[in-house]
Amino acid sequence: MSLPLRRVLAVAALLTCTHAGAGNQKEEALADSVRIALANAITDARPPKPQFSDIRERIHYLRWLGEMSERLKKRLPDRQVRREFLETAWYEAKRAGLEPALVLGLIQVESAFRKYAVSPVGAHGYMQVMPFWTRVIGDGDRAKLFHMQTNLRYGCSILRMYIDMEGGNLFLALGRYNGSRGRPEYPNAVLAAWKQWEYKGDQ
C-alpha cells in the first residue's frame, strides 16, 4: 500500500462509526474516503511479483521463501501450490505494510491454511474474510474470496485498515479483525502464531 493511501486510511478511519462483538469482522459504517481507498487497493491488478533494487534483498527473500516452504510442507504438501501461496502472502503483506510472519500467523489461527475454509458465521478462505466486504469494497462476488490472491489482498487490506483505525495498536486491531475487540484470546493466539513464522536467517 502506498504511503498516501495509508494516510487516507489512517485519517479517515477516525471518522468511522464502530461496533464490535463476538464473531468475525463486523460490517461498519465506513467513511467514504476509507471505502474508496480500500476499493482501490482491492482492484489494483498488479501481479504478486516482488521487485528488488538490491541483490541482497532478493537473496534474503529467496532464503525466506525456502525456509517458509519447508515449515509449511505438512500443511500444503503440493510444492507448486505452496510456493505460489508464499509468494502471494509475502507480496500482499508487504504491499499492505504488514510483516509476512504476522499474516502467516493470522492465517494459521483463522483457517489453518485451508483455502476453502468457511467459518460458522460465514467467513471465507485463508484469511476468513466476511462476504459483506465484497459488496462494500468489491464487485459483490463472494465466490472470489476462495481465490488465493483475492482472499489475501482483502485480508491484508482490511487488517491494515484496522491497525490504522486503532492508531497502530495491533492487539486491538486483531481483536477488531476477529470481532472480539478488547478480549485477549484471539490477539494472543495470533501473536503466538506470528512467532512461529518469524525468519531471522541472514539478518
N, C-alpha and C. Protein backbone atom coordinates (compact mmCIF):
# COMPACT_ATOMS: atom_id res chain seq x y z
N MET A 1 0.85 -1.19 0.00
CA MET A 1 0.00 0.00 0.00
C MET A 1 0.88 1.23 0.00
N SER A 2 0.54 2.17 -0.84
CA SER A 2 1.33 3.39 -0.93
C SER A 2 1.15 4.24 0.31
N LEU A 3 2.13 5.11 0.58
CA LEU A 3 2.05 5.97 1.76
C LEU A 3 0.84 6.88 1.73
N PRO A 4 0.50 7.51 0.57
CA PRO A 4 -0.71 8.35 0.55
C PRO A 4 -1.97 7.56 0.89
N LEU A 5 -2.08 6.34 0.38
CA LEU A 5 -3.26 5.52 0.69
C LEU A 5 -3.32 5.21 2.17
N ARG A 6 -2.17 4.88 2.78
CA ARG A 6 -2.16 4.59 4.21
C ARG A 6 -2.56 5.82 5.01
N ARG A 7 -2.12 7.00 4.55
CA ARG A 7 -2.50 8.22 5.28
C ARG A 7 -4.00 8.47 5.18
N VAL A 8 -4.57 8.21 3.99
CA VAL A 8 -6.02 8.38 3.83
C VAL A 8 -6.76 7.47 4.78
N LEU A 9 -6.32 6.21 4.84
CA LEU A 9 -6.99 5.26 5.73
C LEU A 9 -6.83 5.65 7.20
N ALA A 10 -5.63 6.08 7.55
CA ALA A 10 -5.37 6.41 8.95
C ALA A 10 -6.21 7.60 9.40
N VAL A 11 -6.29 8.63 8.55
CA VAL A 11 -7.03 9.83 8.93
C VAL A 11 -8.53 9.61 8.84
N ALA A 12 -8.96 9.03 7.73
CA ALA A 12 -10.40 8.88 7.54
C ALA A 12 -11.01 7.85 8.47
N ALA A 13 -10.22 6.86 8.90
CA ALA A 13 -10.76 5.85 9.80
C ALA A 13 -11.19 6.45 11.13
N LEU A 14 -10.63 7.58 11.48
CA LEU A 14 -11.03 8.23 12.73
C LEU A 14 -12.49 8.67 12.68
N LEU A 15 -13.02 8.82 11.48
CA LEU A 15 -14.40 9.24 11.32
C LEU A 15 -15.37 8.07 11.25
N THR A 16 -14.84 6.86 11.37
CA THR A 16 -15.66 5.67 11.21
C THR A 16 -16.43 5.34 12.48
N CYS A 17 -17.71 5.00 12.33
CA CYS A 17 -18.52 4.54 13.45
C CYS A 17 -18.24 3.06 13.64
N THR A 18 -17.95 2.62 14.84
CA THR A 18 -17.56 1.24 15.06
C THR A 18 -18.46 0.55 16.06
N HIS A 19 -18.57 -0.78 15.87
CA HIS A 19 -19.29 -1.61 16.81
C HIS A 19 -18.66 -2.98 16.79
N ALA A 20 -18.24 -3.49 17.92
CA ALA A 20 -17.56 -4.78 17.96
C ALA A 20 -18.36 -5.76 18.79
N GLY A 21 -18.27 -7.03 18.43
CA GLY A 21 -18.93 -8.08 19.19
C GLY A 21 -18.21 -9.37 18.94
N ALA A 22 -18.80 -10.48 19.39
CA ALA A 22 -18.18 -11.78 19.18
C ALA A 22 -18.38 -12.21 17.74
N GLY A 23 -17.42 -12.97 17.22
CA GLY A 23 -17.53 -13.46 15.85
C GLY A 23 -16.41 -12.93 14.99
N ASN A 24 -16.70 -12.75 13.69
CA ASN A 24 -15.68 -12.25 12.76
C ASN A 24 -15.88 -10.77 12.51
N GLN A 25 -15.21 -10.25 11.45
CA GLN A 25 -15.29 -8.82 11.17
C GLN A 25 -16.75 -8.37 11.09
N LYS A 26 -17.01 -7.19 11.61
CA LYS A 26 -18.36 -6.64 11.60
C LYS A 26 -18.49 -5.58 10.53
N GLU A 27 -19.63 -5.55 9.88
CA GLU A 27 -19.87 -4.51 8.89
C GLU A 27 -20.05 -3.19 9.62
N GLU A 28 -19.29 -2.20 9.20
CA GLU A 28 -19.30 -0.91 9.87
C GLU A 28 -19.60 0.20 8.88
N ALA A 29 -20.02 1.33 9.39
CA ALA A 29 -20.30 2.49 8.55
C ALA A 29 -18.98 3.18 8.23
N LEU A 30 -18.38 2.81 7.11
CA LEU A 30 -17.07 3.35 6.74
C LEU A 30 -17.22 4.74 6.13
N ALA A 31 -16.30 5.60 6.49
CA ALA A 31 -16.23 6.90 5.82
C ALA A 31 -15.98 6.65 4.33
N ASP A 32 -16.53 7.51 3.48
CA ASP A 32 -16.39 7.33 2.03
C ASP A 32 -14.93 7.22 1.61
N SER A 33 -14.08 8.03 2.21
CA SER A 33 -12.66 8.02 1.82
C SER A 33 -12.01 6.68 2.16
N VAL A 34 -12.41 6.07 3.28
CA VAL A 34 -11.88 4.76 3.66
C VAL A 34 -12.38 3.70 2.68
N ARG A 35 -13.66 3.72 2.40
CA ARG A 35 -14.25 2.74 1.49
C ARG A 35 -13.61 2.82 0.10
N ILE A 36 -13.43 4.05 -0.39
CA ILE A 36 -12.84 4.23 -1.72
C ILE A 36 -11.39 3.77 -1.74
N ALA A 37 -10.65 4.11 -0.68
CA ALA A 37 -9.25 3.69 -0.61
C ALA A 37 -9.13 2.17 -0.57
N LEU A 38 -10.00 1.53 0.20
CA LEU A 38 -9.99 0.07 0.26
C LEU A 38 -10.37 -0.54 -1.08
N ALA A 39 -11.40 0.03 -1.71
CA ALA A 39 -11.84 -0.47 -3.02
C ALA A 39 -10.71 -0.36 -4.04
N ASN A 40 -9.99 0.75 -4.02
CA ASN A 40 -8.87 0.93 -4.94
C ASN A 40 -7.75 -0.08 -4.65
N ALA A 41 -7.52 -0.35 -3.38
CA ALA A 41 -6.49 -1.33 -3.01
C ALA A 41 -6.86 -2.72 -3.51
N ILE A 42 -8.14 -3.07 -3.42
CA ILE A 42 -8.59 -4.39 -3.83
C ILE A 42 -8.52 -4.56 -5.34
N THR A 43 -8.83 -3.51 -6.09
CA THR A 43 -8.92 -3.64 -7.54
C THR A 43 -7.59 -3.44 -8.26
N ASP A 44 -6.54 -3.09 -7.54
CA ASP A 44 -5.21 -2.97 -8.15
C ASP A 44 -4.81 -4.32 -8.73
N ALA A 45 -4.59 -4.36 -10.03
CA ALA A 45 -4.36 -5.64 -10.71
C ALA A 45 -2.90 -6.05 -10.81
N ARG A 46 -2.03 -5.37 -10.11
CA ARG A 46 -0.61 -5.73 -10.21
C ARG A 46 -0.37 -7.17 -9.78
N PRO A 47 0.44 -7.93 -10.51
CA PRO A 47 0.70 -9.32 -10.13
C PRO A 47 1.58 -9.41 -8.90
N PRO A 48 1.49 -10.51 -8.16
CA PRO A 48 2.26 -10.65 -6.91
C PRO A 48 3.71 -11.03 -7.17
N LYS A 49 4.41 -10.21 -7.93
CA LYS A 49 5.81 -10.48 -8.21
C LYS A 49 6.66 -9.37 -7.59
N PRO A 50 7.51 -9.71 -6.65
CA PRO A 50 8.31 -8.68 -5.97
C PRO A 50 9.40 -8.11 -6.87
N GLN A 51 9.71 -6.86 -6.65
CA GLN A 51 10.80 -6.19 -7.36
C GLN A 51 11.85 -5.77 -6.34
N PHE A 52 13.09 -6.04 -6.64
CA PHE A 52 14.17 -5.73 -5.71
C PHE A 52 15.20 -4.84 -6.39
N SER A 53 15.57 -3.78 -5.70
CA SER A 53 16.61 -2.89 -6.24
C SER A 53 17.99 -3.31 -5.75
N ASP A 54 18.02 -4.19 -4.75
CA ASP A 54 19.27 -4.61 -4.13
C ASP A 54 19.34 -6.13 -4.18
N ILE A 55 20.44 -6.67 -4.67
CA ILE A 55 20.59 -8.12 -4.79
C ILE A 55 20.52 -8.79 -3.42
N ARG A 56 20.96 -8.09 -2.37
CA ARG A 56 20.90 -8.67 -1.02
C ARG A 56 19.47 -8.86 -0.57
N GLU A 57 18.59 -7.92 -0.95
CA GLU A 57 17.17 -8.07 -0.62
C GLU A 57 16.58 -9.28 -1.33
N ARG A 58 16.96 -9.47 -2.57
CA ARG A 58 16.45 -10.62 -3.32
C ARG A 58 16.93 -11.93 -2.71
N ILE A 59 18.20 -11.98 -2.33
CA ILE A 59 18.74 -13.19 -1.71
C ILE A 59 18.02 -13.48 -0.39
N HIS A 60 17.79 -12.41 0.40
CA HIS A 60 17.06 -12.57 1.66
C HIS A 60 15.67 -13.14 1.39
N TYR A 61 15.00 -12.61 0.39
CA TYR A 61 13.65 -13.08 0.04
C TYR A 61 13.68 -14.55 -0.38
N LEU A 62 14.62 -14.94 -1.21
CA LEU A 62 14.70 -16.32 -1.68
C LEU A 62 14.99 -17.29 -0.53
N ARG A 63 15.82 -16.85 0.41
CA ARG A 63 16.09 -17.69 1.59
C ARG A 63 14.85 -17.80 2.46
N TRP A 64 14.14 -16.68 2.62
CA TRP A 64 12.87 -16.71 3.36
C TRP A 64 11.90 -17.69 2.70
N LEU A 65 11.79 -17.61 1.38
CA LEU A 65 10.88 -18.46 0.64
C LEU A 65 11.21 -19.93 0.85
N GLY A 66 12.49 -20.26 0.81
CA GLY A 66 12.91 -21.64 1.00
C GLY A 66 12.61 -22.16 2.40
N GLU A 67 12.91 -21.34 3.41
CA GLU A 67 12.67 -21.78 4.78
C GLU A 67 11.18 -21.89 5.09
N MET A 68 10.39 -20.92 4.64
CA MET A 68 8.95 -20.97 4.89
C MET A 68 8.31 -22.15 4.16
N SER A 69 8.84 -22.48 2.98
CA SER A 69 8.31 -23.62 2.24
C SER A 69 8.52 -24.92 3.03
N GLU A 70 9.67 -25.05 3.66
CA GLU A 70 9.93 -26.23 4.49
C GLU A 70 8.98 -26.27 5.68
N ARG A 71 8.77 -25.12 6.33
CA ARG A 71 7.89 -25.07 7.50
C ARG A 71 6.45 -25.39 7.13
N LEU A 72 6.06 -25.05 5.91
CA LEU A 72 4.66 -25.17 5.51
C LEU A 72 4.37 -26.49 4.81
N LYS A 73 5.39 -27.32 4.61
CA LYS A 73 5.25 -28.52 3.79
C LYS A 73 4.14 -29.45 4.28
N LYS A 74 4.02 -29.64 5.57
CA LYS A 74 2.99 -30.56 6.08
C LYS A 74 1.58 -30.03 5.88
N ARG A 75 1.43 -28.71 5.88
CA ARG A 75 0.10 -28.11 5.73
C ARG A 75 -0.29 -27.98 4.27
N LEU A 76 0.69 -27.68 3.41
CA LEU A 76 0.45 -27.57 1.98
C LEU A 76 1.47 -28.47 1.27
N PRO A 77 1.14 -29.74 1.07
CA PRO A 77 2.11 -30.70 0.54
C PRO A 77 2.55 -30.44 -0.90
N ASP A 78 1.66 -29.88 -1.73
CA ASP A 78 2.00 -29.65 -3.12
C ASP A 78 3.01 -28.49 -3.24
N ARG A 79 4.17 -28.76 -3.81
CA ARG A 79 5.25 -27.77 -3.84
C ARG A 79 4.85 -26.51 -4.60
N GLN A 80 4.21 -26.67 -5.76
CA GLN A 80 3.84 -25.52 -6.56
C GLN A 80 2.80 -24.66 -5.86
N VAL A 81 1.79 -25.30 -5.27
CA VAL A 81 0.75 -24.58 -4.52
C VAL A 81 1.38 -23.83 -3.36
N ARG A 82 2.31 -24.50 -2.68
CA ARG A 82 2.96 -23.90 -1.51
C ARG A 82 3.78 -22.68 -1.91
N ARG A 83 4.51 -22.80 -3.02
CA ARG A 83 5.33 -21.68 -3.47
C ARG A 83 4.46 -20.49 -3.89
N GLU A 84 3.41 -20.76 -4.66
CA GLU A 84 2.53 -19.69 -5.09
C GLU A 84 1.86 -19.01 -3.90
N PHE A 85 1.47 -19.81 -2.91
CA PHE A 85 0.85 -19.25 -1.72
C PHE A 85 1.83 -18.33 -0.99
N LEU A 86 3.06 -18.79 -0.78
CA LEU A 86 4.04 -17.99 -0.04
C LEU A 86 4.43 -16.74 -0.80
N GLU A 87 4.61 -16.85 -2.11
CA GLU A 87 4.92 -15.67 -2.91
C GLU A 87 3.82 -14.62 -2.80
N THR A 88 2.58 -15.10 -2.85
CA THR A 88 1.45 -14.17 -2.78
C THR A 88 1.29 -13.59 -1.39
N ALA A 89 1.44 -14.42 -0.36
CA ALA A 89 1.32 -13.93 1.02
C ALA A 89 2.38 -12.88 1.31
N TRP A 90 3.61 -13.13 0.86
CA TRP A 90 4.68 -12.15 1.08
C TRP A 90 4.36 -10.85 0.36
N TYR A 91 3.95 -10.95 -0.89
CA TYR A 91 3.66 -9.76 -1.70
C TYR A 91 2.53 -8.94 -1.09
N GLU A 92 1.43 -9.60 -0.75
CA GLU A 92 0.28 -8.86 -0.23
C GLU A 92 0.55 -8.29 1.15
N ALA A 93 1.32 -9.01 1.96
CA ALA A 93 1.69 -8.48 3.28
C ALA A 93 2.53 -7.22 3.13
N LYS A 94 3.58 -7.29 2.31
CA LYS A 94 4.45 -6.14 2.11
C LYS A 94 3.69 -4.98 1.49
N ARG A 95 2.81 -5.27 0.57
CA ARG A 95 2.02 -4.25 -0.11
C ARG A 95 1.16 -3.47 0.87
N ALA A 96 0.67 -4.16 1.89
CA ALA A 96 -0.17 -3.53 2.91
C ALA A 96 0.64 -3.00 4.09
N GLY A 97 1.95 -3.11 4.05
CA GLY A 97 2.78 -2.63 5.15
C GLY A 97 2.73 -3.53 6.37
N LEU A 98 2.58 -4.84 6.14
CA LEU A 98 2.49 -5.81 7.22
C LEU A 98 3.69 -6.76 7.17
N GLU A 99 4.01 -7.36 8.31
CA GLU A 99 5.05 -8.38 8.34
C GLU A 99 4.48 -9.68 7.79
N PRO A 100 5.16 -10.33 6.85
CA PRO A 100 4.66 -11.62 6.35
C PRO A 100 4.43 -12.64 7.46
N ALA A 101 5.28 -12.63 8.48
CA ALA A 101 5.11 -13.59 9.58
C ALA A 101 3.80 -13.34 10.33
N LEU A 102 3.40 -12.09 10.46
CA LEU A 102 2.13 -11.77 11.09
C LEU A 102 0.97 -12.32 10.26
N VAL A 103 1.04 -12.12 8.95
CA VAL A 103 -0.02 -12.60 8.08
C VAL A 103 -0.10 -14.12 8.12
N LEU A 104 1.04 -14.80 8.09
CA LEU A 104 1.04 -16.25 8.18
C LEU A 104 0.50 -16.73 9.51
N GLY A 105 0.85 -16.03 10.59
CA GLY A 105 0.31 -16.39 11.90
C GLY A 105 -1.20 -16.22 11.96
N LEU A 106 -1.70 -15.15 11.38
CA LEU A 106 -3.14 -14.92 11.36
C LEU A 106 -3.84 -16.00 10.54
N ILE A 107 -3.27 -16.37 9.41
CA ILE A 107 -3.86 -17.43 8.59
C ILE A 107 -3.87 -18.76 9.33
N GLN A 108 -2.80 -19.04 10.06
CA GLN A 108 -2.74 -20.28 10.84
C GLN A 108 -3.89 -20.35 11.83
N VAL A 109 -4.13 -19.24 12.52
CA VAL A 109 -5.20 -19.20 13.52
C VAL A 109 -6.58 -19.20 12.87
N GLU A 110 -6.73 -18.44 11.79
CA GLU A 110 -8.04 -18.28 11.17
C GLU A 110 -8.51 -19.52 10.41
N SER A 111 -7.64 -20.10 9.60
CA SER A 111 -8.09 -21.18 8.71
C SER A 111 -7.20 -22.41 8.70
N ALA A 112 -6.10 -22.39 9.43
CA ALA A 112 -5.13 -23.48 9.40
C ALA A 112 -4.66 -23.74 7.97
N PHE A 113 -4.54 -22.66 7.18
CA PHE A 113 -4.06 -22.70 5.81
C PHE A 113 -4.98 -23.49 4.87
N ARG A 114 -6.28 -23.46 5.17
CA ARG A 114 -7.26 -24.13 4.30
C ARG A 114 -7.91 -23.10 3.38
N LYS A 115 -7.70 -23.27 2.09
CA LYS A 115 -8.17 -22.32 1.09
C LYS A 115 -9.69 -22.18 1.08
N TYR A 116 -10.38 -23.29 1.31
CA TYR A 116 -11.85 -23.27 1.20
C TYR A 116 -12.53 -23.31 2.56
N ALA A 117 -11.83 -22.88 3.59
CA ALA A 117 -12.43 -22.85 4.93
C ALA A 117 -13.61 -21.87 4.97
N VAL A 118 -14.67 -22.28 5.65
CA VAL A 118 -15.82 -21.41 5.88
C VAL A 118 -16.17 -21.51 7.36
N SER A 119 -16.22 -20.38 8.04
CA SER A 119 -16.50 -20.37 9.47
C SER A 119 -17.99 -20.51 9.74
N PRO A 120 -18.39 -20.80 10.99
CA PRO A 120 -19.82 -20.88 11.33
C PRO A 120 -20.58 -19.59 11.04
N VAL A 121 -19.88 -18.45 11.02
CA VAL A 121 -20.56 -17.18 10.72
C VAL A 121 -20.39 -16.77 9.26
N GLY A 122 -19.77 -17.65 8.45
CA GLY A 122 -19.71 -17.41 7.02
C GLY A 122 -18.44 -16.78 6.48
N ALA A 123 -17.40 -16.62 7.31
CA ALA A 123 -16.14 -16.06 6.82
C ALA A 123 -15.48 -17.05 5.87
N HIS A 124 -14.82 -16.54 4.84
CA HIS A 124 -14.31 -17.36 3.75
C HIS A 124 -12.79 -17.37 3.64
N GLY A 125 -12.25 -18.54 3.30
CA GLY A 125 -10.89 -18.65 2.81
C GLY A 125 -9.79 -18.55 3.83
N TYR A 126 -8.57 -18.42 3.30
CA TYR A 126 -7.37 -18.40 4.13
C TYR A 126 -7.45 -17.40 5.28
N MET A 127 -7.86 -16.16 4.97
CA MET A 127 -7.86 -15.11 5.99
C MET A 127 -9.25 -14.87 6.56
N GLN A 128 -10.18 -15.78 6.26
CA GLN A 128 -11.52 -15.73 6.84
C GLN A 128 -12.15 -14.34 6.70
N VAL A 129 -12.30 -13.94 5.47
CA VAL A 129 -12.88 -12.64 5.14
C VAL A 129 -14.40 -12.78 5.09
N MET A 130 -15.09 -11.88 5.73
CA MET A 130 -16.55 -11.91 5.72
C MET A 130 -17.07 -11.47 4.33
N PRO A 131 -18.07 -12.16 3.78
CA PRO A 131 -18.55 -11.87 2.43
C PRO A 131 -19.06 -10.45 2.22
N PHE A 132 -19.53 -9.77 3.27
CA PHE A 132 -20.06 -8.42 3.07
C PHE A 132 -19.01 -7.48 2.49
N TRP A 133 -17.71 -7.81 2.71
CA TRP A 133 -16.67 -6.94 2.17
C TRP A 133 -16.70 -6.89 0.65
N THR A 134 -17.13 -7.97 0.00
CA THR A 134 -17.17 -7.95 -1.47
C THR A 134 -18.24 -6.98 -1.96
N ARG A 135 -19.24 -6.74 -1.16
CA ARG A 135 -20.28 -5.76 -1.52
C ARG A 135 -19.81 -4.35 -1.19
N VAL A 136 -19.14 -4.18 -0.06
CA VAL A 136 -18.73 -2.85 0.40
C VAL A 136 -17.60 -2.27 -0.45
N ILE A 137 -16.62 -3.11 -0.78
CA ILE A 137 -15.45 -2.58 -1.50
C ILE A 137 -15.11 -3.36 -2.76
N GLY A 138 -15.92 -4.37 -3.11
CA GLY A 138 -15.63 -5.17 -4.29
C GLY A 138 -16.78 -5.16 -5.28
N ASP A 139 -16.87 -6.25 -6.05
CA ASP A 139 -17.91 -6.34 -7.07
C ASP A 139 -19.09 -7.19 -6.64
N GLY A 140 -19.10 -7.60 -5.36
CA GLY A 140 -20.22 -8.37 -4.83
C GLY A 140 -20.11 -9.86 -5.03
N ASP A 141 -19.07 -10.34 -5.68
CA ASP A 141 -18.93 -11.76 -5.95
C ASP A 141 -18.17 -12.43 -4.81
N ARG A 142 -18.92 -13.01 -3.87
CA ARG A 142 -18.29 -13.62 -2.70
C ARG A 142 -17.47 -14.86 -3.04
N ALA A 143 -17.77 -15.50 -4.17
CA ALA A 143 -17.01 -16.69 -4.56
C ALA A 143 -15.54 -16.35 -4.79
N LYS A 144 -15.24 -15.10 -5.12
CA LYS A 144 -13.85 -14.70 -5.35
C LYS A 144 -13.01 -14.78 -4.08
N LEU A 145 -13.66 -14.85 -2.93
CA LEU A 145 -12.91 -14.95 -1.68
C LEU A 145 -12.23 -16.30 -1.54
N PHE A 146 -12.54 -17.25 -2.43
CA PHE A 146 -11.84 -18.53 -2.44
C PHE A 146 -10.68 -18.51 -3.43
N HIS A 147 -10.48 -17.38 -4.11
CA HIS A 147 -9.30 -17.20 -4.97
C HIS A 147 -8.17 -16.73 -4.07
N MET A 148 -7.04 -17.38 -4.17
CA MET A 148 -5.95 -17.15 -3.23
C MET A 148 -5.54 -15.68 -3.12
N GLN A 149 -5.17 -15.07 -4.25
CA GLN A 149 -4.68 -13.71 -4.17
C GLN A 149 -5.76 -12.74 -3.73
N THR A 150 -6.98 -12.96 -4.21
CA THR A 150 -8.09 -12.07 -3.81
C THR A 150 -8.31 -12.14 -2.31
N ASN A 151 -8.32 -13.35 -1.76
CA ASN A 151 -8.54 -13.51 -0.33
C ASN A 151 -7.44 -12.84 0.48
N LEU A 152 -6.19 -13.05 0.07
CA LEU A 152 -5.08 -12.45 0.81
C LEU A 152 -5.07 -10.94 0.66
N ARG A 153 -5.46 -10.44 -0.50
CA ARG A 153 -5.49 -8.99 -0.68
C ARG A 153 -6.56 -8.36 0.20
N TYR A 154 -7.76 -8.95 0.20
CA TYR A 154 -8.81 -8.45 1.08
C TYR A 154 -8.35 -8.49 2.53
N GLY A 155 -7.87 -9.66 2.96
CA GLY A 155 -7.49 -9.82 4.36
C GLY A 155 -6.41 -8.86 4.81
N CYS A 156 -5.37 -8.70 4.00
CA CYS A 156 -4.28 -7.80 4.36
C CYS A 156 -4.73 -6.35 4.35
N SER A 157 -5.54 -5.97 3.36
CA SER A 157 -6.03 -4.58 3.29
C SER A 157 -6.94 -4.26 4.47
N ILE A 158 -7.78 -5.20 4.85
CA ILE A 158 -8.70 -4.99 5.98
C ILE A 158 -7.92 -4.90 7.28
N LEU A 159 -6.94 -5.79 7.47
CA LEU A 159 -6.14 -5.73 8.68
C LEU A 159 -5.37 -4.42 8.76
N ARG A 160 -4.82 -3.96 7.63
CA ARG A 160 -4.12 -2.67 7.61
C ARG A 160 -5.04 -1.54 8.03
N MET A 161 -6.29 -1.58 7.52
CA MET A 161 -7.26 -0.55 7.89
C MET A 161 -7.52 -0.56 9.39
N TYR A 162 -7.67 -1.77 9.95
CA TYR A 162 -7.95 -1.86 11.39
C TYR A 162 -6.76 -1.37 12.22
N ILE A 163 -5.54 -1.67 11.78
CA ILE A 163 -4.36 -1.18 12.50
C ILE A 163 -4.34 0.34 12.49
N ASP A 164 -4.62 0.93 11.33
CA ASP A 164 -4.66 2.39 11.24
C ASP A 164 -5.80 2.95 12.08
N MET A 165 -6.93 2.29 12.05
CA MET A 165 -8.09 2.72 12.82
C MET A 165 -7.80 2.73 14.32
N GLU A 166 -6.95 1.77 14.74
CA GLU A 166 -6.62 1.66 16.17
C GLU A 166 -5.33 2.38 16.51
N GLY A 167 -4.89 3.27 15.64
CA GLY A 167 -3.70 4.06 15.93
C GLY A 167 -2.43 3.25 16.08
N GLY A 168 -2.35 2.11 15.37
CA GLY A 168 -1.16 1.27 15.43
C GLY A 168 -1.20 0.21 16.52
N ASN A 169 -2.28 0.15 17.29
CA ASN A 169 -2.39 -0.84 18.36
C ASN A 169 -2.78 -2.18 17.76
N LEU A 170 -1.79 -3.07 17.61
CA LEU A 170 -2.03 -4.35 16.94
C LEU A 170 -2.98 -5.24 17.73
N PHE A 171 -2.89 -5.20 19.05
CA PHE A 171 -3.76 -6.02 19.89
C PHE A 171 -5.23 -5.70 19.61
N LEU A 172 -5.57 -4.41 19.61
CA LEU A 172 -6.95 -4.01 19.34
C LEU A 172 -7.34 -4.25 17.89
N ALA A 173 -6.39 -4.05 16.98
CA ALA A 173 -6.70 -4.27 15.56
C ALA A 173 -7.00 -5.73 15.29
N LEU A 174 -6.24 -6.63 15.89
CA LEU A 174 -6.51 -8.05 15.71
C LEU A 174 -7.87 -8.42 16.31
N GLY A 175 -8.19 -7.84 17.46
CA GLY A 175 -9.50 -8.08 18.05
C GLY A 175 -10.61 -7.61 17.14
N ARG A 176 -10.42 -6.48 16.51
CA ARG A 176 -11.42 -5.97 15.58
C ARG A 176 -11.53 -6.88 14.35
N TYR A 177 -10.41 -7.39 13.88
CA TYR A 177 -10.43 -8.29 12.72
C TYR A 177 -11.28 -9.52 13.02
N ASN A 178 -11.18 -10.00 14.24
CA ASN A 178 -11.91 -11.19 14.67
C ASN A 178 -13.29 -10.88 15.22
N GLY A 179 -13.60 -9.60 15.41
CA GLY A 179 -14.88 -9.23 16.00
C GLY A 179 -14.91 -9.40 17.50
N SER A 180 -13.73 -9.45 18.14
CA SER A 180 -13.68 -9.67 19.59
C SER A 180 -12.83 -8.59 20.26
N ARG A 181 -12.93 -7.37 19.77
CA ARG A 181 -12.09 -6.28 20.26
C ARG A 181 -12.18 -6.14 21.77
N GLY A 182 -11.02 -6.06 22.41
CA GLY A 182 -10.97 -5.91 23.86
C GLY A 182 -10.77 -7.22 24.60
N ARG A 183 -10.96 -8.34 23.91
CA ARG A 183 -10.75 -9.65 24.54
C ARG A 183 -9.39 -10.19 24.12
N PRO A 184 -8.69 -10.90 25.02
CA PRO A 184 -7.30 -11.26 24.74
C PRO A 184 -7.09 -12.55 23.95
N GLU A 185 -8.08 -13.44 23.90
CA GLU A 185 -7.83 -14.78 23.38
C GLU A 185 -7.33 -14.78 21.93
N TYR A 186 -8.04 -14.09 21.07
CA TYR A 186 -7.66 -14.12 19.65
C TYR A 186 -6.36 -13.38 19.39
N PRO A 187 -6.20 -12.13 19.84
CA PRO A 187 -4.90 -11.47 19.61
C PRO A 187 -3.72 -12.27 20.15
N ASN A 188 -3.88 -12.85 21.33
CA ASN A 188 -2.79 -13.64 21.90
C ASN A 188 -2.47 -14.86 21.05
N ALA A 189 -3.50 -15.49 20.49
CA ALA A 189 -3.28 -16.65 19.64
C ALA A 189 -2.52 -16.27 18.37
N VAL A 190 -2.90 -15.14 17.75
CA VAL A 190 -2.23 -14.70 16.53
C VAL A 190 -0.80 -14.28 16.83
N LEU A 191 -0.59 -13.55 17.91
CA LEU A 191 0.76 -13.11 18.26
C LEU A 191 1.68 -14.30 18.55
N ALA A 192 1.13 -15.36 19.17
CA ALA A 192 1.92 -16.57 19.42
C ALA A 192 2.25 -17.27 18.10
N ALA A 193 1.27 -17.34 17.20
CA ALA A 193 1.50 -17.98 15.90
C ALA A 193 2.51 -17.17 15.08
N TRP A 194 2.45 -15.85 15.19
CA TRP A 194 3.38 -14.97 14.48
C TRP A 194 4.82 -15.40 14.77
N LYS A 195 5.13 -15.69 16.02
CA LYS A 195 6.49 -16.06 16.40
C LYS A 195 6.95 -17.33 15.68
N GLN A 196 6.00 -18.22 15.39
CA GLN A 196 6.34 -19.48 14.72
C GLN A 196 6.77 -19.26 13.27
N TRP A 197 6.38 -18.10 12.69
CA TRP A 197 6.66 -17.84 11.29
C TRP A 197 7.72 -16.75 11.09
N GLU A 198 8.36 -16.33 12.16
CA GLU A 198 9.41 -15.33 12.03
C GLU A 198 10.63 -15.94 11.35
N TYR A 199 11.28 -15.12 10.54
CA TYR A 199 12.50 -15.55 9.85
C TYR A 199 13.64 -14.62 10.21
N LYS A 200 14.69 -15.17 10.76
CA LYS A 200 15.82 -14.35 11.18
C LYS A 200 17.09 -14.72 10.43
N GLY A 201 16.98 -15.72 9.60
CA GLY A 201 18.07 -16.28 8.80
C GLY A 201 19.34 -15.49 8.68
N ASP A 202 19.40 -14.54 7.73
CA ASP A 202 20.66 -13.86 7.44
C ASP A 202 20.66 -12.42 7.95
N GLN A 203 19.80 -12.12 8.93
CA GLN A 203 19.77 -10.75 9.47
C GLN A 203 20.87 -10.57 10.49
